[in-house]
Amino acid sequence: MSFINLSLNQFFMLLIFGSMAAVLFVMIPVQIASKLRRVARKRRLSTCRICGYRFIRPPQKEPVACPHCGVLNR
């Protein structure tokens, strides 16, 4: 069984670079997932151009009437 002999300076450098790598390995997937959720939400939600009411858009692509004021929205 061999142990790695590190000086104090090497240990702290390993600690710093290891923590930076851990942050990157966590933050990059979180940022990608956040972007995908934002794009999906933009496709799913719609805002009425007249009254500003936010509603869930049905999956069809034709104009949808606002449930609040009844105006057709694209």
Protein backbone atom coordinates (compact mmCIF):
# COMPACT_ATOMS: atom_id res chain seq x y z
CA MET A 1 0.00 0.00 0.00
CA SER A 2 1.58 3.25 -1.08
CA PHE A 3 0.59 6.65 0.21
CA ILE A 4 0.93 9.86 -1.74
CA ASN A 5 3.35 12.17 -0.03
CA LEU A 6 2.24 15.77 -0.51
CA SER A 7 3.83 18.85 0.87
CA LEU A 8 1.57 21.39 2.53
CA ASN A 9 1.74 23.67 -0.52
CA GLN A 10 0.82 20.80 -2.87
CA PHE A 11 -2.06 19.78 -0.59
CA PHE A 12 -3.58 23.26 -0.63
CA MET A 13 -3.16 23.57 -4.40
CA LEU A 14 -4.86 20.17 -4.83
CA LEU A 15 -7.64 21.29 -2.51
CA ILE A 16 -8.18 24.54 -4.43
CA PHE A 17 -8.10 22.98 -7.91
CA GLY A 18 -10.22 20.03 -6.78
CA SER A 19 -12.89 22.33 -5.39
CA MET A 20 -12.83 24.41 -8.60
CA ALA A 21 -13.30 21.25 -10.67
CA ALA A 22 -16.14 20.09 -8.41
CA VAL A 23 -17.91 23.43 -8.82
CA LEU A 24 -17.56 23.22 -12.61
CA PHE A 25 -18.83 19.63 -12.70
CA VAL A 26 -21.93 20.76 -10.80
CA MET A 27 -22.57 24.19 -12.33
CA ILE A 28 -22.30 23.27 -16.02
CA PRO A 29 -25.10 20.64 -15.95
CA VAL A 30 -27.24 22.93 -13.79
CA GLN A 31 -26.84 25.78 -16.28
CA ILE A 32 -27.69 23.50 -19.21
CA ALA A 33 -30.78 22.15 -17.44
CA SER A 34 -31.86 25.70 -16.58
CA LYS A 35 -31.57 26.79 -20.20
CA LEU A 36 -33.59 23.77 -21.40
CA ARG A 37 -36.33 24.48 -18.84
CA ARG A 38 -36.47 28.14 -19.88
CA VAL A 39 -36.86 27.23 -23.56
CA ALA A 40 -39.58 24.66 -22.77
CA ARG A 41 -41.44 27.17 -20.57
CA LYS A 42 -41.31 29.80 -23.32
CA ARG A 43 -42.86 27.33 -25.76
CA ARG A 44 -45.55 26.28 -23.27
CA LEU A 45 -46.62 29.64 -21.81
CA SER A 46 -48.13 32.57 -23.65
CA THR A 47 -48.94 36.14 -22.69
CA CYS A 48 -51.98 37.95 -24.06
CA ARG A 49 -50.97 40.93 -26.19
CA ILE A 50 -53.94 43.01 -24.99
CA CYS A 51 -54.49 42.33 -21.28
CA GLY A 52 -51.12 40.75 -20.37
CA TYR A 53 -52.70 37.64 -18.85
CA ARG A 54 -50.32 34.66 -18.80
CA PHE A 55 -51.79 31.29 -19.70
CA ILE A 56 -50.71 27.81 -20.75
CA ARG A 57 -50.78 27.39 -24.50
CA PRO A 58 -52.33 24.19 -25.90
CA PRO A 59 -50.03 22.11 -28.16
CA GLN A 60 -51.68 23.21 -31.43
CA LYS A 61 -49.99 25.94 -33.50
CA GLU A 62 -53.06 27.94 -34.51
CA PRO A 63 -53.98 31.20 -32.74
CA VAL A 64 -55.33 30.72 -29.23
CA ALA A 65 -57.98 32.83 -27.53
CA CYS A 66 -57.01 34.41 -24.22
CA PRO A 67 -59.07 32.84 -21.41
CA HIS A 68 -59.26 36.23 -19.67
CA CYS A 69 -60.37 38.64 -22.40
CA GLY A 70 -61.01 36.40 -25.44
CA VAL A 71 -58.59 38.04 -27.91
CA LEU A 72 -56.82 35.73 -30.40
CA ASN A 73 -53.07 35.48 -29.77
CA ARG A 74 -50.36 33.99 -31.94
